[in-house]
Amino acid sequence: MKKRNSNSGAGAFCLLFLLLLIHSLGQPLNPGSRVLVARPAEKVDIRSGELSPFYRLTLGMPISVNGSTAVGLTAVPGIGPKTAAAIVRAREQAGGFSALKDLMSIRGIGPSLYQKISPYLTL
């Protein structure tokens, strides 16, 4: 009777997982190719109990437009660095937003972008 190697199943699973990962990235496996992984710029502050905007979005929690930094606002799909900076400038000039719809007064945020980003934001 032939004894089966218990590690062969784990190795096959790892190989399959790796192939699926490569396929999902849409990049061929070439020597010298790199896979870039985005890392959040802000970390969890365990002492204060506050999560960075990147972690909040991962957990499905909205980000405060009145409290988040420009870097934190870039975690929202559709908000890049320029739009985030414009949001922070408008917030500082107005002393804070009283309604999310106030974001549409910012250049570059029209109805379609507002509709895309509003589910991720709160006051």
PDB file of N, CA and C in Angstrom:
ATOM      1  N   MET A   1       0.842  -1.171   0.000  1.00  0.00           N
ATOM      2  CA  MET A   1       0.000   0.000   0.000  1.00  0.00           C
ATOM      3  C   MET A   1       0.890   1.238   0.000  1.00  0.00           C
ATOM      4  N   LYS A   2       0.604   2.188  -0.887  1.00  0.00           N
ATOM      5  CA  LYS A   2       1.407   3.377  -1.033  1.00  0.00           C
ATOM      6  C   LYS A   2       0.945   4.440  -0.033  1.00  0.00           C
ATOM      7  N   LYS A   3       1.915   4.989   0.690  1.00  0.00           N
ATOM      8  CA  LYS A   3       1.592   6.022   1.673  1.00  0.00           C
ATOM      9  C   LYS A   3       1.548   7.377   0.972  1.00  0.00           C
ATOM     10  N   ARG A   4       0.485   8.117   1.212  1.00  0.00           N
ATOM     11  CA  ARG A   4       0.316   9.423   0.585  1.00  0.00           C
ATOM     12  C   ARG A   4       1.014  10.487   1.424  1.00  0.00           C
ATOM     13  N   ASN A   5       1.699  11.374   0.754  1.00  0.00           N
ATOM     14  CA  ASN A   5       2.380  12.470   1.431  1.00  0.00           C
ATOM     15  C   ASN A   5       1.338  13.505   1.858  1.00  0.00           C
ATOM     16  N   SER A   6       1.273  13.817   3.134  1.00  0.00           N
ATOM     17  CA  SER A   6       0.253  14.738   3.643  1.00  0.00           C
ATOM     18  C   SER A   6       0.503  16.171   3.200  1.00  0.00           C
ATOM     19  N   ASN A   7       1.705  16.506   2.786  1.00  0.00           N
ATOM     20  CA  ASN A   7       2.010  17.870   2.366  1.00  0.00           C
ATOM     21  C   ASN A   7       1.631  18.141   0.917  1.00  0.00           C
ATOM     22  N   SER A   8       1.361  17.118   0.134  1.00  0.00           N
ATOM     23  CA  SER A   8       1.077  17.332  -1.281  1.00  0.00           C
ATOM     24  C   SER A   8      -0.229  18.103  -1.478  1.00  0.00           C
ATOM     25  N   GLY A   9      -1.214  17.895  -0.645  1.00  0.00           N
ATOM     26  CA  GLY A   9      -2.471  18.635  -0.749  1.00  0.00           C
ATOM     27  C   GLY A   9      -2.292  20.109  -0.424  1.00  0.00           C
ATOM     28  N   ALA A  10      -1.500  20.399   0.596  1.00  0.00           N
ATOM     29  CA  ALA A  10      -1.257  21.788   0.979  1.00  0.00           C
ATOM     30  C   ALA A  10      -0.458  22.501  -0.105  1.00  0.00           C
ATOM     31  N   GLY A  11       0.506  21.815  -0.686  1.00  0.00           N
ATOM     32  CA  GLY A  11       1.304  22.416  -1.754  1.00  0.00           C
ATOM     33  C   GLY A  11       0.456  22.719  -2.978  1.00  0.00           C
ATOM     34  N   ALA A  12      -0.430  21.794  -3.323  1.00  0.00           N
ATOM     35  CA  ALA A  12      -1.309  22.001  -4.470  1.00  0.00           C
ATOM     36  C   ALA A  12      -2.251  23.180  -4.214  1.00  0.00           C
ATOM     37  N   PHE A  13      -2.751  23.288  -2.989  1.00  0.00           N
ATOM     38  CA  PHE A  13      -3.634  24.397  -2.635  1.00  0.00           C
ATOM     39  C   PHE A  13      -2.897  25.730  -2.753  1.00  0.00           C
ATOM     40  N   CYS A  14      -1.664  25.773  -2.251  1.00  0.00           N
ATOM     41  CA  CYS A  14      -0.874  27.013  -2.326  1.00  0.00           C
ATOM     42  C   CYS A  14      -0.601  27.398  -3.776  1.00  0.00           C
ATOM     43  N   LEU A  15      -0.276  26.413  -4.608  1.00  0.00           N
ATOM     44  CA  LEU A  15      -0.022  26.685  -6.016  1.00  0.00           C
ATOM     45  C   LEU A  15      -1.284  27.213  -6.693  1.00  0.00           C
ATOM     46  N   LEU A  16      -2.419  26.601  -6.425  1.00  0.00           N
ATOM     47  CA  LEU A  16      -3.680  27.054  -6.995  1.00  0.00           C
ATOM     48  C   LEU A  16      -4.009  28.472  -6.533  1.00  0.00           C
ATOM     49  N   PHE A  17      -3.821  28.750  -5.253  1.00  0.00           N
ATOM     50  CA  PHE A  17      -4.075  30.086  -4.713  1.00  0.00           C
ATOM     51  C   PHE A  17      -3.184  31.117  -5.390  1.00  0.00           C
ATOM     52  N   LEU A  18      -1.911  30.792  -5.554  1.00  0.00           N
ATOM     53  CA  LEU A  18      -0.974  31.713  -6.181  1.00  0.00           C
ATOM     54  C   LEU A  18      -1.361  31.981  -7.634  1.00  0.00           C
ATOM     55  N   LEU A  19      -1.752  30.942  -8.358  1.00  0.00           N
ATOM     56  CA  LEU A  19      -2.170  31.127  -9.748  1.00  0.00           C
ATOM     57  C   LEU A  19      -3.429  31.979  -9.842  1.00  0.00           C
ATOM     58  N   LEU A  20      -4.367  31.771  -8.940  1.00  0.00           N
ATOM     59  CA  LEU A  20      -5.582  32.589  -8.933  1.00  0.00           C
ATOM     60  C   LEU A  20      -5.272  34.044  -8.599  1.00  0.00           C
ATOM     61  N   LEU A  21      -4.353  34.256  -7.690  1.00  0.00           N
ATOM     62  CA  LEU A  21      -3.949  35.611  -7.322  1.00  0.00           C
ATOM     63  C   LEU A  21      -3.307  36.322  -8.502  1.00  0.00           C
ATOM     64  N   ILE A  22      -2.431  35.640  -9.189  1.00  0.00           N
ATOM     65  CA  ILE A  22      -1.775  36.224 -10.352  1.00  0.00           C
ATOM     66  C   ILE A  22      -2.801  36.531 -11.435  1.00  0.00           C
ATOM     67  N   HIS A  23      -3.721  35.623 -11.646  1.00  0.00           N
ATOM     68  CA  HIS A  23      -4.759  35.838 -12.652  1.00  0.00           C
ATOM     69  C   HIS A  23      -5.640  37.028 -12.280  1.00  0.00           C
ATOM     70  N   SER A  24      -5.983  37.160 -11.008  1.00  0.00           N
ATOM     71  CA  SER A  24      -6.860  38.249 -10.586  1.00  0.00           C
ATOM     72  C   SER A  24      -6.178  39.600 -10.704  1.00  0.00           C
ATOM     73  N   LEU A  25      -4.865  39.629 -10.600  1.00  0.00           N
ATOM     74  CA  LEU A  25      -4.139  40.881 -10.756  1.00  0.00           C
ATOM     75  C   LEU A  25      -4.028  41.275 -12.222  1.00  0.00           C
ATOM     76  N   GLY A  26      -4.273  40.333 -13.110  1.00  0.00           N
ATOM     77  CA  GLY A  26      -4.231  40.636 -14.532  1.00  0.00           C
ATOM     78  C   GLY A  26      -2.830  40.817 -15.064  1.00  0.00           C
ATOM     79  N   GLN A  27      -1.851  40.354 -14.327  1.00  0.00           N
ATOM     80  CA  GLN A  27      -0.471  40.489 -14.754  1.00  0.00           C
ATOM     81  C   GLN A  27       0.116  39.113 -15.004  1.00  0.00           C
ATOM     82  N   PRO A  28       0.828  38.965 -16.108  1.00  0.00           N
ATOM     83  CA  PRO A  28       1.483  37.679 -16.326  1.00  0.00           C
ATOM     84  C   PRO A  28       2.634  37.506 -15.353  1.00  0.00           C
ATOM     85  N   LEU A  29       2.970  36.270 -15.097  1.00  0.00           N
ATOM     86  CA  LEU A  29       4.079  35.969 -14.198  1.00  0.00           C
ATOM     87  C   LEU A  29       5.372  36.080 -14.984  1.00  0.00           C
ATOM     88  N   ASN A  30       6.040  37.181 -14.866  1.00  0.00           N
ATOM     89  CA  ASN A  30       7.306  37.424 -15.550  1.00  0.00           C
ATOM     90  C   ASN A  30       8.397  37.636 -14.518  1.00  0.00           C
ATOM     91  N   PRO A  31       9.596  37.161 -14.810  1.00  0.00           N
ATOM     92  CA  PRO A  31      10.698  37.460 -13.893  1.00  0.00           C
ATOM     93  C   PRO A  31      10.902  38.968 -13.831  1.00  0.00           C
ATOM     94  N   GLY A  32      11.049  39.485 -12.668  1.00  0.00           N
ATOM     95  CA  GLY A  32      11.269  40.918 -12.490  1.00  0.00           C
ATOM     96  C   GLY A  32      10.001  41.733 -12.372  1.00  0.00           C
ATOM     97  N   SER A  33       8.820  41.112 -12.575  1.00  0.00           N
ATOM     98  CA  SER A  33       7.585  41.881 -12.430  1.00  0.00           C
ATOM     99  C   SER A  33       7.317  42.098 -10.953  1.00  0.00           C
ATOM    100  N   ARG A  34       6.692  43.231 -10.657  1.00  0.00           N
ATOM    101  CA  ARG A  34       6.420  43.566  -9.269  1.00  0.00           C
ATOM    102  C   ARG A  34       4.927  43.686  -9.058  1.00  0.00           C
ATOM    103  N   VAL A  35       4.491  43.334  -7.881  1.00  0.00           N
ATOM    104  CA  VAL A  35       3.103  43.505  -7.481  1.00  0.00           C
ATOM    105  C   VAL A  35       3.086  44.610  -6.441  1.00  0.00           C
ATOM    106  N   LEU A  36       2.329  45.672  -6.725  1.00  0.00           N
ATOM    107  CA  LEU A  36       2.257  46.792  -5.798  1.00  0.00           C
ATOM    108  C   LEU A  36       1.048  46.626  -4.899  1.00  0.00           C
ATOM    109  N   VAL A  37       1.257  46.815  -3.621  1.00  0.00           N
ATOM    110  CA  VAL A  37       0.185  46.714  -2.639  1.00  0.00           C
ATOM    111  C   VAL A  37       0.059  48.066  -1.959  1.00  0.00           C
ATOM    112  N   ALA A  38      -1.153  48.629  -1.992  1.00  0.00           N
ATOM    113  CA  ALA A  38      -1.381  49.917  -1.345  1.00  0.00           C
ATOM    114  C   ALA A  38      -1.395  49.727   0.162  1.00  0.00           C
ATOM    115  N   ARG A  39      -0.729  50.610   0.836  1.00  0.00           N
ATOM    116  CA  ARG A  39      -0.723  50.587   2.290  1.00  0.00           C
ATOM    117  C   ARG A  39      -1.344  51.870   2.805  1.00  0.00           C
ATOM    118  N   PRO A  40      -2.139  51.773   3.822  1.00  0.00           N
ATOM    119  CA  PRO A  40      -2.733  52.994   4.368  1.00  0.00           C
ATOM    120  C   PRO A  40      -1.664  53.893   4.975  1.00  0.00           C
ATOM    121  N   ALA A  41      -1.825  55.194   4.741  1.00  0.00           N
ATOM    122  CA  ALA A  41      -0.865  56.145   5.263  1.00  0.00           C
ATOM    123  C   ALA A  41      -1.080  56.400   6.748  1.00  0.00           C
ATOM    124  N   GLU A  42      -2.274  56.165   7.218  1.00  0.00           N
ATOM    125  CA  GLU A  42      -2.575  56.385   8.624  1.00  0.00           C
ATOM    126  C   GLU A  42      -2.883  55.046   9.276  1.00  0.00           C
ATOM    127  N   LYS A  43      -2.406  54.867  10.479  1.00  0.00           N
ATOM    128  CA  LYS A  43      -2.606  53.603  11.177  1.00  0.00           C
ATOM    129  C   LYS A  43      -3.673  53.737  12.257  1.00  0.00           C
ATOM    130  N   VAL A  44      -4.015  52.616  12.829  1.00  0.00           N
ATOM    131  CA  VAL A  44      -4.974  52.620  13.927  1.00  0.00           C
ATOM    132  C   VAL A  44      -4.292  53.181  15.160  1.00  0.00           C
ATOM    133  N   ASP A  45      -4.917  54.145  15.786  1.00  0.00           N
ATOM    134  CA  ASP A  45      -4.405  54.675  17.042  1.00  0.00           C
ATOM    135  C   ASP A  45      -5.123  53.937  18.165  1.00  0.00           C
ATOM    136  N   ILE A  46      -4.483  52.911  18.675  1.00  0.00           N
ATOM    137  CA  ILE A  46      -5.108  52.045  19.671  1.00  0.00           C
ATOM    138  C   ILE A  46      -5.417  52.813  20.954  1.00  0.00           C
ATOM    139  N   ARG A  47      -4.556  53.744  21.305  1.00  0.00           N
ATOM    140  CA  ARG A  47      -4.765  54.488  22.555  1.00  0.00           C
ATOM    141  C   ARG A  47      -6.027  55.336  22.525  1.00  0.00           C
ATOM    142  N   SER A  48      -6.309  55.966  21.373  1.00  0.00           N
ATOM    143  CA  SER A  48      -7.495  56.811  21.315  1.00  0.00           C
ATOM    144  C   SER A  48      -8.737  56.034  20.884  1.00  0.00           C
ATOM    145  N   GLY A  49      -8.526  54.834  20.356  1.00  0.00           N
ATOM    146  CA  GLY A  49      -9.654  54.026  19.910  1.00  0.00           C
ATOM    147  C   GLY A  49     -10.186  54.438  18.554  1.00  0.00           C
ATOM    148  N   GLU A  50      -9.465  55.309  17.827  1.00  0.00           N
ATOM    149  CA  GLU A  50      -9.924  55.769  16.530  1.00  0.00           C
ATOM    150  C   GLU A  50      -9.264  54.983  15.409  1.00  0.00           C
ATOM    151  N   LEU A  51     -10.052  54.675  14.399  1.00  0.00           N
ATOM    152  CA  LEU A  51      -9.559  53.973  13.228  1.00  0.00           C
ATOM    153  C   LEU A  51      -9.238  54.981  12.130  1.00  0.00           C
ATOM    154  N   SER A  52      -8.223  54.691  11.342  1.00  0.00           N
ATOM    155  CA  SER A  52      -7.932  55.556  10.209  1.00  0.00           C
ATOM    156  C   SER A  52      -9.049  55.406   9.180  1.00  0.00           C
ATOM    157  N   PRO A  53      -9.195  56.374   8.306  1.00  0.00           N
ATOM    158  CA  PRO A  53     -10.230  56.278   7.270  1.00  0.00           C
ATOM    159  C   PRO A  53     -10.092  55.029   6.401  1.00  0.00           C
ATOM    160  N   PHE A  54      -8.875  54.572   6.170  1.00  0.00           N
ATOM    161  CA  PHE A  54      -8.667  53.381   5.351  1.00  0.00           C
ATOM    162  C   PHE A  54      -9.272  52.153   6.024  1.00  0.00           C
ATOM    163  N   TYR A  55      -9.075  52.030   7.320  1.00  0.00           N
ATOM    164  CA  TYR A  55      -9.650  50.903   8.046  1.00  0.00           C
ATOM    165  C   TYR A  55     -11.162  51.049   8.188  1.00  0.00           C
ATOM    166  N   ARG A  56     -11.628  52.282   8.360  1.00  0.00           N
ATOM    167  CA  ARG A  56     -13.069  52.507   8.469  1.00  0.00           C
ATOM    168  C   ARG A  56     -13.777  52.043   7.199  1.00  0.00           C
ATOM    169  N   LEU A  57     -13.227  52.400   6.036  1.00  0.00           N
ATOM    170  CA  LEU A  57     -13.851  51.975   4.783  1.00  0.00           C
ATOM    171  C   LEU A  57     -13.807  50.468   4.625  1.00  0.00           C
ATOM    172  N   THR A  58     -12.715  49.857   5.062  1.00  0.00           N
ATOM    173  CA  THR A  58     -12.607  48.404   4.987  1.00  0.00           C
ATOM    174  C   THR A  58     -13.712  47.741   5.800  1.00  0.00           C
ATOM    175  N   LEU A  59     -14.063  48.345   6.911  1.00  0.00           N
ATOM    176  CA  LEU A  59     -15.108  47.800   7.778  1.00  0.00           C
ATOM    177  C   LEU A  59     -16.502  48.266   7.381  1.00  0.00           C
ATOM    178  N   GLY A  60     -16.598  49.062   6.328  1.00  0.00           N
ATOM    179  CA  GLY A  60     -17.905  49.538   5.871  1.00  0.00           C
ATOM    180  C   GLY A  60     -18.425  50.720   6.662  1.00  0.00           C
ATOM    181  N   MET A  61     -17.539  51.417   7.343  1.00  0.00           N
ATOM    182  CA  MET A  61     -17.939  52.576   8.144  1.00  0.00           C
ATOM    183  C   MET A  61     -17.677  53.852   7.341  1.00  0.00           C
ATOM    184  N   PRO A  62     -18.574  54.835   7.388  1.00  0.00           N
ATOM    185  CA  PRO A  62     -18.343  56.069   6.631  1.00  0.00           C
ATOM    186  C   PRO A  62     -17.248  56.927   7.265  1.00  0.00           C
ATOM    187  N   ILE A  63     -16.693  57.811   6.451  1.00  0.00           N
ATOM    188  CA  ILE A  63     -15.629  58.723   6.864  1.00  0.00           C
ATOM    189  C   ILE A  63     -16.231  60.112   7.066  1.00  0.00           C
ATOM    190  N   SER A  64     -15.799  60.807   8.091  1.00  0.00           N
ATOM    191  CA  SER A  64     -16.295  62.148   8.375  1.00  0.00           C
ATOM    192  C   SER A  64     -15.600  63.176   7.484  1.00  0.00           C
ATOM    193  N   VAL A  65     -16.381  63.939   6.705  1.00  0.00           N
ATOM    194  CA  VAL A  65     -15.783  64.988   5.883  1.00  0.00           C
ATOM    195  C   VAL A  65     -15.360  66.171   6.738  1.00  0.00           C
ATOM    196  N   ASN A  66     -15.925  66.296   7.921  1.00  0.00           N
ATOM    197  CA  ASN A  66     -15.546  67.397   8.806  1.00  0.00           C
ATOM    198  C   ASN A  66     -14.365  67.049   9.713  1.00  0.00           C
ATOM    199  N   GLY A  67     -13.973  65.800   9.776  1.00  0.00           N
ATOM    200  CA  GLY A  67     -12.900  65.430  10.689  1.00  0.00           C
ATOM    201  C   GLY A  67     -11.718  64.752  10.052  1.00  0.00           C
ATOM    202  N   SER A  68     -11.847  64.300   8.829  1.00  0.00           N
ATOM    203  CA  SER A  68     -10.778  63.538   8.197  1.00  0.00           C
ATOM    204  C   SER A  68      -9.754  64.452   7.533  1.00  0.00           C
ATOM    205  N   THR A  69      -8.541  63.951   7.432  1.00  0.00           N
ATOM    206  CA  THR A  69      -7.485  64.677   6.735  1.00  0.00           C
ATOM    207  C   THR A  69      -7.648  64.494   5.237  1.00  0.00           C
ATOM    208  N   ALA A  70      -6.875  65.241   4.462  1.00  0.00           N
ATOM    209  CA  ALA A  70      -6.904  65.087   3.007  1.00  0.00           C
ATOM    210  C   ALA A  70      -6.449  63.686   2.613  1.00  0.00           C
ATOM    211  N   VAL A  71      -5.438  63.175   3.301  1.00  0.00           N
ATOM    212  CA  VAL A  71      -4.961  61.816   3.011  1.00  0.00           C
ATOM    213  C   VAL A  71      -6.056  60.804   3.313  1.00  0.00           C
ATOM    214  N   GLY A  72      -6.762  60.987   4.405  1.00  0.00           N
ATOM    215  CA  GLY A  72      -7.843  60.082   4.759  1.00  0.00           C
ATOM    216  C   GLY A  72      -8.979  60.108   3.756  1.00  0.00           C
ATOM    217  N   LEU A  73      -9.271  61.275   3.202  1.00  0.00           N
ATOM    218  CA  LEU A  73     -10.350  61.382   2.222  1.00  0.00           C
ATOM    219  C   LEU A  73     -10.016  60.659   0.920  1.00  0.00           C
ATOM    220  N   THR A  74      -8.736  60.491   0.637  1.00  0.00           N
ATOM    221  CA  THR A  74      -8.359  59.779  -0.586  1.00  0.00           C
ATOM    222  C   THR A  74      -8.674  58.289  -0.499  1.00  0.00           C
ATOM    223  N   ALA A  75      -9.044  57.802   0.662  1.00  0.00           N
ATOM    224  CA  ALA A  75      -9.452  56.398   0.796  1.00  0.00           C
ATOM    225  C   ALA A  75     -10.791  56.148   0.119  1.00  0.00           C
ATOM    226  N   VAL A  76     -11.565  57.199  -0.077  1.00  0.00           N
ATOM    227  CA  VAL A  76     -12.883  57.075  -0.705  1.00  0.00           C
ATOM    228  C   VAL A  76     -12.703  56.902  -2.210  1.00  0.00           C
ATOM    229  N   PRO A  77     -13.300  55.858  -2.779  1.00  0.00           N
ATOM    230  CA  PRO A  77     -13.212  55.682  -4.227  1.00  0.00           C
ATOM    231  C   PRO A  77     -13.803  56.878  -4.967  1.00  0.00           C
ATOM    232  N   GLY A  78     -13.005  57.479  -5.834  1.00  0.00           N
ATOM    233  CA  GLY A  78     -13.456  58.643  -6.591  1.00  0.00           C
ATOM    234  C   GLY A  78     -12.852  59.941  -6.096  1.00  0.00           C
ATOM    235  N   ILE A  79     -12.237  59.933  -4.906  1.00  0.00           N
ATOM    236  CA  ILE A  79     -11.598  61.135  -4.376  1.00  0.00           C
ATOM    237  C   ILE A  79     -10.090  60.955  -4.469  1.00  0.00           C
ATOM    238  N   GLY A  80      -9.480  61.787  -5.303  1.00  0.00           N
ATOM    239  CA  GLY A  80      -8.030  61.784  -5.435  1.00  0.00           C
ATOM    240  C   GLY A  80      -7.416  62.865  -4.569  1.00  0.00           C
ATOM    241  N   PRO A  81      -6.099  63.015  -4.632  1.00  0.00           N
ATOM    242  CA  PRO A  81      -5.427  64.014  -3.791  1.00  0.00           C
ATOM    243  C   PRO A  81      -5.893  65.449  -4.028  1.00  0.00           C
ATOM    244  N   LYS A  82      -6.132  65.822  -5.275  1.00  0.00           N
ATOM    245  CA  LYS A  82      -6.558  67.206  -5.568  1.00  0.00           C
ATOM    246  C   LYS A  82      -7.961  67.477  -5.031  1.00  0.00           C
ATOM    247  N   THR A  83      -8.859  66.535  -5.234  1.00  0.00           N
ATOM    248  CA  THR A  83     -10.223  66.710  -4.734  1.00  0.00           C
ATOM    249  C   THR A  83     -10.242  66.712  -3.218  1.00  0.00           C
ATOM    250  N   ALA A  84      -9.441  65.851  -2.609  1.00  0.00           N
ATOM    251  CA  ALA A  84      -9.368  65.809  -1.143  1.00  0.00           C
ATOM    252  C   ALA A  84      -8.846  67.126  -0.593  1.00  0.00           C
ATOM    253  N   ALA A  85      -7.830  67.685  -1.233  1.00  0.00           N
ATOM    254  CA  ALA A  85      -7.288  68.978  -0.790  1.00  0.00           C
ATOM    255  C   ALA A  85      -8.339  70.075  -0.945  1.00  0.00           C
ATOM    256  N   ALA A  86      -9.106  70.019  -2.034  1.00  0.00           N
ATOM    257  CA  ALA A  86     -10.166  71.014  -2.243  1.00  0.00           C
ATOM    258  C   ALA A  86     -11.252  70.891  -1.181  1.00  0.00           C
ATOM    259  N   ILE A  87     -11.582  69.669  -0.791  1.00  0.00           N
ATOM    260  CA  ILE A  87     -12.579  69.453   0.265  1.00  0.00           C
ATOM    261  C   ILE A  87     -12.094  70.047   1.583  1.00  0.00           C
ATOM    262  N   VAL A  88     -10.839  69.802   1.919  1.00  0.00           N
ATOM    263  CA  VAL A  88     -10.287  70.323   3.184  1.00  0.00           C
ATOM    264  C   VAL A  88     -10.251  71.848   3.154  1.00  0.00           C
ATOM    265  N   ARG A  89      -9.846  72.440   2.007  1.00  0.00           N
ATOM    266  CA  ARG A  89      -9.829  73.908   1.896  1.00  0.00           C
ATOM    267  C   ARG A  89     -11.228  74.488   2.081  1.00  0.00           C
ATOM    268  N   ALA A  90     -12.212  73.893   1.410  1.00  0.00           N
ATOM    269  CA  ALA A  90     -13.596  74.385   1.522  1.00  0.00           C
ATOM    270  C   ALA A  90     -14.111  74.220   2.947  1.00  0.00           C
ATOM    271  N   ARG A  91     -13.751  73.129   3.581  1.00  0.00           N
ATOM    272  CA  ARG A  91     -14.179  72.889   4.970  1.00  0.00           C
ATOM    273  C   ARG A  91     -13.594  73.939   5.904  1.00  0.00           C
ATOM    274  N   GLU A  92     -12.313  74.260   5.718  1.00  0.00           N
ATOM    275  CA  GLU A  92     -11.661  75.263   6.569  1.00  0.00           C
ATOM    276  C   GLU A  92     -12.245  76.651   6.342  1.00  0.00           C
ATOM    277  N   GLN A  93     -12.536  76.972   5.079  1.00  0.00           N
ATOM    278  CA  GLN A  93     -13.111  78.292   4.770  1.00  0.00           C
ATOM    279  C   GLN A  93     -14.516  78.447   5.337  1.00  0.00           C
ATOM    280  N   ALA A  94     -15.292  77.359   5.283  1.00  0.00           N
ATOM    281  CA  ALA A  94     -16.687  77.433   5.748  1.00  0.00           C
ATOM    282  C   ALA A  94     -16.831  77.125   7.232  1.00  0.00           C
ATOM    283  N   GLY A  95     -15.766  76.664   7.863  1.00  0.00           N
ATOM    284  CA  GLY A  95     -15.862  76.287   9.268  1.00  0.00           C
ATOM    285  C   GLY A  95     -16.549  74.947   9.450  1.00  0.00           C
ATOM    286  N   GLY A  96     -16.524  74.129   8.412  1.00  0.00           N
ATOM    287  CA  GLY A  96     -17.149  72.805   8.460  1.00  0.00           C
ATOM    288  C   GLY A  96     -18.377  72.760   7.563  1.00  0.00           C
ATOM    289  N   PHE A  97     -18.719  71.568   7.159  1.00  0.00           N
ATOM    290  CA  PHE A  97     -19.891  71.368   6.301  1.00  0.00           C
ATOM    291  C   PHE A  97     -21.107  71.121   7.187  1.00  0.00           C
ATOM    292  N   SER A  98     -22.240  71.686   6.800  1.00  0.00           N
ATOM    293  CA  SER A  98     -23.480  71.454   7.553  1.00  0.00           C
ATOM    294  C   SER A  98     -24.321  70.354   6.902  1.00  0.00           C
ATOM    295  N   ALA A  99     -24.040  70.057   5.632  1.00  0.00           N
ATOM    296  CA  ALA A  99     -24.735  68.987   4.910  1.00  0.00           C
ATOM    297  C   ALA A  99     -23.777  68.394   3.885  1.00  0.00           C
ATOM    298  N   LEU A 100     -23.931  67.119   3.605  1.00  0.00           N
ATOM    299  CA  LEU A 100     -23.066  66.481   2.611  1.00  0.00           C
ATOM    300  C   LEU A 100     -23.230  67.116   1.237  1.00  0.00           C
ATOM    301  N   LYS A 101     -24.422  67.599   0.939  1.00  0.00           N
ATOM    302  CA  LYS A 101     -24.678  68.225  -0.369  1.00  0.00           C
ATOM    303  C   LYS A 101     -23.801  69.456  -0.586  1.00  0.00           C
ATOM    304  N   ASP A 102     -23.253  70.030   0.493  1.00  0.00           N
ATOM    305  CA  ASP A 102     -22.350  71.177   0.367  1.00  0.00           C
ATOM    306  C   ASP A 102     -21.112  70.813  -0.451  1.00  0.00           C
ATOM    307  N   LEU A 103     -20.798  69.528  -0.523  1.00  0.00           N
ATOM    308  CA  LEU A 103     -19.635  69.093  -1.301  1.00  0.00           C
ATOM    309  C   LEU A 103     -19.793  69.427  -2.780  1.00  0.00           C
ATOM    310  N   MET A 104     -21.034  69.512  -3.252  1.00  0.00           N
ATOM    311  CA  MET A 104     -21.249  69.789  -4.672  1.00  0.00           C
ATOM    312  C   MET A 104     -20.892  71.226  -5.040  1.00  0.00           C
ATOM    313  N   SER A 105     -20.636  72.076  -4.070  1.00  0.00           N
ATOM    314  CA  SER A 105     -20.187  73.435  -4.372  1.00  0.00           C
ATOM    315  C   SER A 105     -18.690  73.480  -4.678  1.00  0.00           C
ATOM    316  N   ILE A 106     -18.000  72.372  -4.468  1.00  0.00           N
ATOM    317  CA  ILE A 106     -16.562  72.291  -4.720  1.00  0.00           C
ATOM    318  C   ILE A 106     -16.334  71.960  -6.185  1.00  0.00           C
ATOM    319  N   ARG A 107     -15.438  72.701  -6.795  1.00  0.00           N
ATOM    320  CA  ARG A 107     -15.117  72.475  -8.205  1.00  0.00           C
ATOM    321  C   ARG A 107     -14.624  71.036  -8.398  1.00  0.00           C
ATOM    322  N   GLY A 108     -15.200  70.348  -9.354  1.00  0.00           N
ATOM    323  CA  GLY A 108     -14.815  68.968  -9.643  1.00  0.00           C
ATOM    324  C   GLY A 108     -15.763  67.943  -9.056  1.00  0.00           C
ATOM    325  N   ILE A 109     -16.629  68.374  -8.140  1.00  0.00           N
ATOM    326  CA  ILE A 109     -17.604  67.445  -7.562  1.00  0.00           C
ATOM    327  C   ILE A 109     -18.976  67.819  -8.103  1.00  0.00           C
ATOM    328  N   GLY A 110     -19.392  67.062  -9.099  1.00  0.00           N
ATOM    329  CA  GLY A 110     -20.708  67.255  -9.701  1.00  0.00           C
ATOM    330  C   GLY A 110     -21.663  66.194  -9.185  1.00  0.00           C
ATOM    331  N   PRO A 111     -22.864  66.168  -9.753  1.00  0.00           N
ATOM    332  CA  PRO A 111     -23.865  65.195  -9.282  1.00  0.00           C
ATOM    333  C   PRO A 111     -23.422  63.737  -9.385  1.00  0.00           C
ATOM    334  N   SER A 112     -22.735  63.379 -10.471  1.00  0.00           N
ATOM    335  CA  SER A 112     -22.352  61.962 -10.622  1.00  0.00           C
ATOM    336  C   SER A 112     -21.272  61.570  -9.615  1.00  0.00           C
ATOM    337  N   LEU A 113     -20.273  62.430  -9.416  1.00  0.00           N
ATOM    338  CA  LEU A 113     -19.238  62.111  -8.427  1.00  0.00           C
ATOM    339  C   LEU A 113     -19.824  62.135  -7.022  1.00  0.00           C
ATOM    340  N   TYR A 114     -20.696  63.101  -6.758  1.00  0.00           N
ATOM    341  CA  TYR A 114     -21.330  63.161  -5.440  1.00  0.00           C
ATOM    342  C   TYR A 114     -22.102  61.875  -5.152  1.00  0.00           C
ATOM    343  N   GLN A 115     -22.822  61.397  -6.136  1.00  0.00           N
ATOM    344  CA  GLN A 115     -23.589  60.160  -5.954  1.00  0.00           C
ATOM    345  C   GLN A 115     -22.664  58.973  -5.689  1.00  0.00           C
ATOM    346  N   LYS A 116     -21.480  58.993  -6.290  1.00  0.00           N
ATOM    347  CA  LYS A 116     -20.525  57.900  -6.109  1.00  0.00           C
ATOM    348  C   LYS A 116     -19.885  57.931  -4.722  1.00  0.00           C
ATOM    349  N   ILE A 117     -19.555  59.131  -4.223  1.00  0.00           N
ATOM    350  CA  ILE A 117     -18.795  59.225  -2.964  1.00  0.00           C
ATOM    351  C   ILE A 117     -19.672  59.360  -1.726  1.00  0.00           C
ATOM    352  N   SER A 118     -20.891  59.839  -1.865  1.00  0.00           N
ATOM    353  CA  SER A 118     -21.720  60.113  -0.686  1.00  0.00           C
ATOM    354  C   SER A 118     -21.988  58.894   0.207  1.00  0.00           C
ATOM    355  N   PRO A 119     -22.109  57.663  -0.322  1.00  0.00           N
ATOM    356  CA  PRO A 119     -22.327  56.531   0.593  1.00  0.00           C
ATOM    357  C   PRO A 119     -21.150  56.278   1.542  1.00  0.00           C
ATOM    358  N   TYR A 120     -19.978  56.768   1.196  1.00  0.00           N
ATOM    359  CA  TYR A 120     -18.787  56.544   2.002  1.00  0.00           C
ATOM    360  C   TYR A 120     -18.524  57.638   3.020  1.00  0.00           C
ATOM    361  N   LEU A 121     -19.346  58.703   2.984  1.00  0.00           N
ATOM    362  CA  LEU A 121     -19.071  59.885   3.798  1.00  0.00           C
ATOM    363  C   LEU A 121     -20.186  60.180   4.789  1.00  0.00           C
ATOM    364  N   THR A 122     -19.812  60.870   5.846  1.00  0.00           N
ATOM    365  CA  THR A 122     -20.753  61.361   6.846  1.00  0.00           C
ATOM    366  C   THR A 122     -20.232  62.693   7.363  1.00  0.00           C
ATOM    367  N   LEU A 123     -21.074  63.415   8.113  1.00  0.00           N
ATOM    368  CA  LEU A 123     -20.639  64.709   8.675  1.00  0.00           C
ATOM    369  C   LEU A 123     -19.875  64.536   9.937  1.00  0.00           C
TER     370      LEU A 123
END
